[in-house]
Amino acid sequence: MDMLWVDTTTDEEARALDRGMWEMVGSEQPDGTFVAQAAGPAPESGEFWYDALNRIKDDPDKRYAMARRHLPLPAAWREMAVSLRMKIRKARKAKAGYEAELRELHHLAAMDSYAGYGYIQRVPYARLAAFDLSYERIGCDRLSLLGVTDCKWMRELWGEAEDQSTASELYEDMLAADIQRIKADEEQERDERSKRLFGNLYREIAEERSEPTAPPEEKRRRGFFGWLFGR
């Protein structure tokens, strides 16, 4: 089974997972055209994950599990929160306990407050999940994943928090180091792509020059870089 973001424990694992999902991979087609595309999120039973999720949206457990497989996509955080709210409302209606689900909802929102997509997917889940992001320390008012009703439920069970903050503030120095690391990694990856691009270009040019001139009626099919640069 492919690694999920929730399985990552190191910076390199998170980086490799992100590159595997979003790095553009090009291929030349038989007709000489060039197609470049990223793999994107893993499909669910052959279809786009969010379409698959809509088919099971009335089952909070299945909805939660599927969304979790696609963290840290922004929609995945939201869908997990929705599934937990469904369970909390059902428990409240039945006058049953729901503190475990509420704690999980709070922790989910607190982790989400560390960084936006573009950075958070390159932070290993294990490190993020180990942060001290308790309600008493971080509160709920500044967590964008939570709504007014969520905070109302939390205050009913836990009272007022000692502070209102975010993970990005509490771990400001760590976040700054993560952003610096990620930007350096991305610059290195851009350099690698450029070297591959121009390395292939120079190879095609050399091959063209080394081949005997073809008769005018036997036009040579252009390779990708001939197509790209009009050669």
Protein backbone atom coordinates (compact mmCIF):
# COMPACT_ATOMS: atom_id res chain seq x y z
CA MET A 1 0.00 0.00 0.00
CA ASP A 2 1.30 3.48 -0.88
CA MET A 3 2.42 5.69 1.98
CA LEU A 4 -0.07 8.27 3.22
CA TRP A 5 0.81 11.63 4.74
CA VAL A 6 -0.43 10.37 8.12
CA ASP A 7 2.28 7.69 7.89
CA THR A 8 5.18 10.14 7.43
CA THR A 9 7.72 10.43 10.22
CA THR A 10 10.60 12.32 8.56
CA ASP A 11 11.04 15.45 6.45
CA GLU A 12 12.33 13.34 3.56
CA GLU A 13 9.30 11.04 3.60
CA ALA A 14 6.94 14.02 3.47
CA ARG A 15 8.99 15.60 0.67
CA ALA A 16 9.05 12.41 -1.40
CA LEU A 17 5.30 11.95 -0.99
CA ASP A 18 4.60 15.51 -2.13
CA ARG A 19 6.91 15.20 -5.13
CA GLY A 20 5.30 11.94 -6.13
CA MET A 21 1.90 13.61 -6.12
CA TRP A 22 2.60 16.96 -7.77
CA GLU A 23 5.84 16.77 -9.76
CA MET A 24 5.13 17.06 -13.48
CA VAL A 25 6.13 14.06 -15.55
CA GLY A 26 6.34 14.45 -19.32
CA SER A 27 6.04 11.89 -22.07
CA GLU A 28 6.21 12.09 -25.85
CA GLN A 29 3.24 10.61 -27.66
CA PRO A 30 3.45 8.54 -30.88
CA ASP A 31 2.32 11.55 -32.92
CA GLY A 32 5.19 13.67 -31.57
CA THR A 33 3.10 15.73 -29.17
CA PHE A 34 4.20 16.13 -25.58
CA VAL A 35 2.02 15.56 -22.53
CA ALA A 36 3.02 16.67 -19.03
CA GLN A 37 0.93 15.87 -15.99
CA ALA A 38 1.17 15.24 -12.26
CA ALA A 39 -0.16 12.09 -10.62
CA GLY A 40 -2.31 14.10 -8.19
CA PRO A 41 -4.17 12.59 -5.22
CA ALA A 42 -4.52 8.82 -5.23
CA PRO A 43 -7.88 7.69 -6.63
CA GLU A 44 -10.49 5.81 -4.62
CA SER A 45 -11.64 2.68 -6.48
CA GLY A 46 -10.64 4.29 -9.76
CA GLU A 47 -12.34 7.66 -9.31
CA PHE A 48 -11.37 11.06 -7.95
CA TRP A 49 -11.36 10.83 -4.17
CA TYR A 50 -13.83 13.67 -3.54
CA ASP A 51 -16.35 12.18 -5.97
CA ALA A 52 -15.99 8.86 -4.17
CA LEU A 53 -16.43 10.58 -0.81
CA ASN A 54 -19.73 12.12 -1.92
CA ARG A 55 -21.08 8.61 -2.39
CA ILE A 56 -20.53 7.71 1.26
CA LYS A 57 -21.02 11.15 2.85
CA ASP A 58 -23.93 9.98 5.02
CA ASP A 59 -21.68 7.48 6.83
CA PRO A 60 -19.48 9.55 9.17
CA ASP A 61 -17.00 6.73 9.85
CA LYS A 62 -16.38 5.99 6.17
CA ARG A 63 -16.30 9.70 5.38
CA TYR A 64 -13.75 10.30 8.12
CA ALA A 65 -11.54 7.38 7.04
CA MET A 66 -11.50 8.40 3.39
CA ALA A 67 -10.78 12.04 4.15
CA ARG A 68 -7.95 11.04 6.49
CA ARG A 69 -6.29 9.11 3.67
CA HIS A 70 -6.08 12.37 1.73
CA LEU A 71 -4.68 14.67 4.39
CA PRO A 72 -3.31 17.31 4.27
CA LEU A 73 -5.40 18.45 1.30
CA PRO A 74 -7.56 21.37 2.49
CA ALA A 75 -10.81 19.58 1.63
CA ALA A 76 -9.68 16.54 3.62
CA TRP A 77 -9.32 18.57 6.85
CA ARG A 78 -12.82 20.00 6.31
CA GLU A 79 -14.40 16.63 5.57
CA MET A 80 -12.89 15.06 8.68
CA ALA A 81 -14.29 17.92 10.73
CA VAL A 82 -17.73 17.47 9.16
CA SER A 83 -17.73 13.75 9.94
CA LEU A 84 -16.81 14.41 13.59
CA ARG A 85 -19.59 17.00 13.89
CA MET A 86 -22.06 14.45 12.54
CA LYS A 87 -21.07 12.04 15.29
CA ILE A 88 -21.19 14.73 17.97
CA ARG A 89 -24.67 15.88 16.96
CA LYS A 90 -25.90 12.29 16.98
CA ALA A 91 -24.47 11.77 20.47
CA ARG A 92 -25.96 15.01 21.79
CA LYS A 93 -29.35 14.06 20.42
CA ALA A 94 -29.10 10.68 22.17
CA LYS A 95 -27.80 12.40 25.32
CA ALA A 96 -24.64 10.29 25.08
CA GLY A 97 -21.03 11.28 25.65
CA TYR A 98 -19.06 12.91 22.86
CA GLU A 99 -15.96 14.35 24.53
CA ALA A 100 -13.58 12.03 22.64
CA GLU A 101 -14.92 13.20 19.28
CA LEU A 102 -14.78 16.83 20.40
CA ARG A 103 -11.16 16.43 21.54
CA GLU A 104 -10.33 14.93 18.17
CA LEU A 105 -12.04 17.78 16.35
CA HIS A 106 -10.06 20.30 18.38
CA HIS A 107 -6.76 18.53 17.79
CA LEU A 108 -7.48 18.32 14.06
CA ALA A 109 -8.15 22.05 13.89
CA ALA A 110 -5.08 22.83 15.97
CA MET A 111 -2.79 20.83 13.67
CA ASP A 112 -4.35 22.51 10.64
CA SER A 113 -3.36 25.90 12.09
CA TYR A 114 0.37 25.18 11.73
CA ALA A 115 0.67 26.06 8.03
CA GLY A 116 -1.33 26.23 4.84
CA TYR A 117 -1.15 23.83 1.95
CA GLY A 118 2.07 24.46 0.09
CA TYR A 119 4.08 23.94 3.27
CA ILE A 120 2.20 21.61 5.59
CA GLN A 121 2.34 18.65 3.19
CA ARG A 122 6.14 18.67 3.53
CA VAL A 123 5.99 18.55 7.32
CA PRO A 124 5.84 14.96 8.62
CA TYR A 125 2.56 14.10 10.29
CA ALA A 126 4.26 12.39 13.23
CA ARG A 127 6.00 15.61 14.27
CA LEU A 128 2.88 17.70 13.87
CA ALA A 129 0.71 15.23 15.80
CA ALA A 130 3.18 15.30 18.71
CA PHE A 131 2.83 19.06 19.29
CA ASP A 132 1.31 20.20 22.57
CA LEU A 133 -1.90 21.71 21.17
CA SER A 134 -4.28 21.20 24.07
CA TYR A 135 -7.46 23.25 24.40
CA GLU A 136 -6.08 24.84 27.56
CA ARG A 137 -3.03 26.09 25.68
CA ILE A 138 -4.43 27.06 22.29
CA GLY A 139 -8.16 27.62 22.80
CA CYS A 140 -10.51 27.52 19.82
CA ASP A 141 -11.38 31.04 18.68
CA ARG A 142 -8.46 31.41 16.26
CA LEU A 143 -8.62 27.96 14.70
CA SER A 144 -10.06 28.47 11.22
CA LEU A 145 -11.37 24.91 10.90
CA LEU A 146 -13.74 25.47 13.84
CA GLY A 147 -17.04 27.29 13.82
CA VAL A 148 -19.04 29.12 16.47
CA THR A 149 -20.99 26.01 17.43
CA ASP A 150 -17.79 23.98 17.83
CA CYS A 151 -16.42 26.53 20.28
CA LYS A 152 -19.73 26.64 22.11
CA TRP A 153 -19.57 22.88 22.67
CA MET A 154 -15.96 23.14 23.85
CA ARG A 155 -16.74 25.88 26.35
CA GLU A 156 -19.68 23.88 27.68
CA LEU A 157 -17.39 20.94 28.46
CA TRP A 158 -14.06 22.60 29.22
CA GLY A 159 -14.75 26.20 30.17
CA GLU A 160 -12.58 29.09 28.99
CA ALA A 161 -9.10 28.30 27.69
CA GLU A 162 -6.07 29.96 29.24
CA ASP A 163 -5.10 31.47 25.89
CA GLN A 164 -6.23 31.80 22.29
CA SER A 165 -3.49 31.00 19.80
CA THR A 166 -2.49 28.89 16.78
CA ALA A 167 0.10 26.21 16.15
CA SER A 168 1.96 28.58 13.83
CA GLU A 169 2.41 31.02 16.74
CA LEU A 170 3.26 28.46 19.39
CA TYR A 171 5.86 26.82 17.14
CA GLU A 172 6.94 29.94 15.29
CA ASP A 173 10.66 29.12 15.20
CA MET A 174 10.04 25.58 13.99
CA LEU A 175 7.70 26.82 11.28
CA ALA A 176 10.29 29.37 10.11
CA ALA A 177 12.86 26.58 9.85
CA ASP A 178 10.39 24.39 7.96
CA ILE A 179 9.61 27.15 5.47
CA GLN A 180 13.31 27.82 4.91
CA ARG A 181 13.97 24.10 4.38
CA ILE A 182 11.03 23.66 2.01
CA LYS A 183 11.98 26.68 -0.10
CA ALA A 184 15.56 25.37 -0.40
CA ASP A 185 14.26 21.93 -1.41
CA GLU A 186 11.97 23.43 -4.03
CA GLU A 187 14.79 25.53 -5.48
CA GLN A 188 16.95 22.41 -5.74
CA GLU A 189 14.10 20.57 -7.46
CA ARG A 190 13.67 23.41 -9.99
CA ASP A 191 17.39 23.25 -10.78
CA GLU A 192 17.16 19.49 -11.27
CA ARG A 193 14.23 19.88 -13.69
CA SER A 194 16.12 22.54 -15.67
CA LYS A 195 19.19 20.32 -15.95
CA ARG A 196 17.07 17.41 -17.19
CA LEU A 197 15.25 19.65 -19.66
CA PHE A 198 18.36 21.17 -21.23
CA GLY A 199 20.32 17.93 -20.98
CA ASN A 200 17.70 16.25 -23.15
CA LEU A 201 17.67 19.24 -25.52
CA TYR A 202 21.43 19.10 -26.06
CA ARG A 203 21.24 15.35 -26.60
CA GLU A 204 18.57 15.73 -29.28
CA ILE A 205 20.59 18.45 -31.03
CA ALA A 206 23.68 16.25 -30.99
CA GLU A 207 21.72 13.32 -32.40
CA GLU A 208 20.32 15.49 -35.21
CA ARG A 209 23.79 16.71 -36.17
CA SER A 210 25.29 13.21 -36.15
CA GLU A 211 22.65 11.69 -38.43
CA PRO A 212 23.02 11.79 -42.24
CA THR A 213 20.78 14.25 -44.03
CA ALA A 214 17.53 12.56 -44.94
CA PRO A 215 16.00 12.95 -48.42
CA PRO A 216 13.51 15.84 -48.56
CA GLU A 217 10.55 13.50 -48.96
CA GLU A 218 11.42 11.55 -45.79
CA LYS A 219 10.79 14.15 -43.12
CA ARG A 220 12.08 13.13 -39.70
CA ARG A 221 9.53 13.16 -36.90
CA ARG A 222 10.45 15.75 -34.33
CA GLY A 223 11.22 14.76 -30.78
CA PHE A 224 9.79 16.61 -27.82
CA PHE A 225 12.48 19.28 -27.67
CA GLY A 226 12.29 19.79 -31.43
CA TRP A 227 8.55 20.34 -30.96
CA LEU A 228 9.09 22.59 -27.94
CA PHE A 229 11.74 24.80 -29.51
CA GLY A 230 10.48 24.64 -33.12
CA ARG A 231 13.39 22.64 -34.45
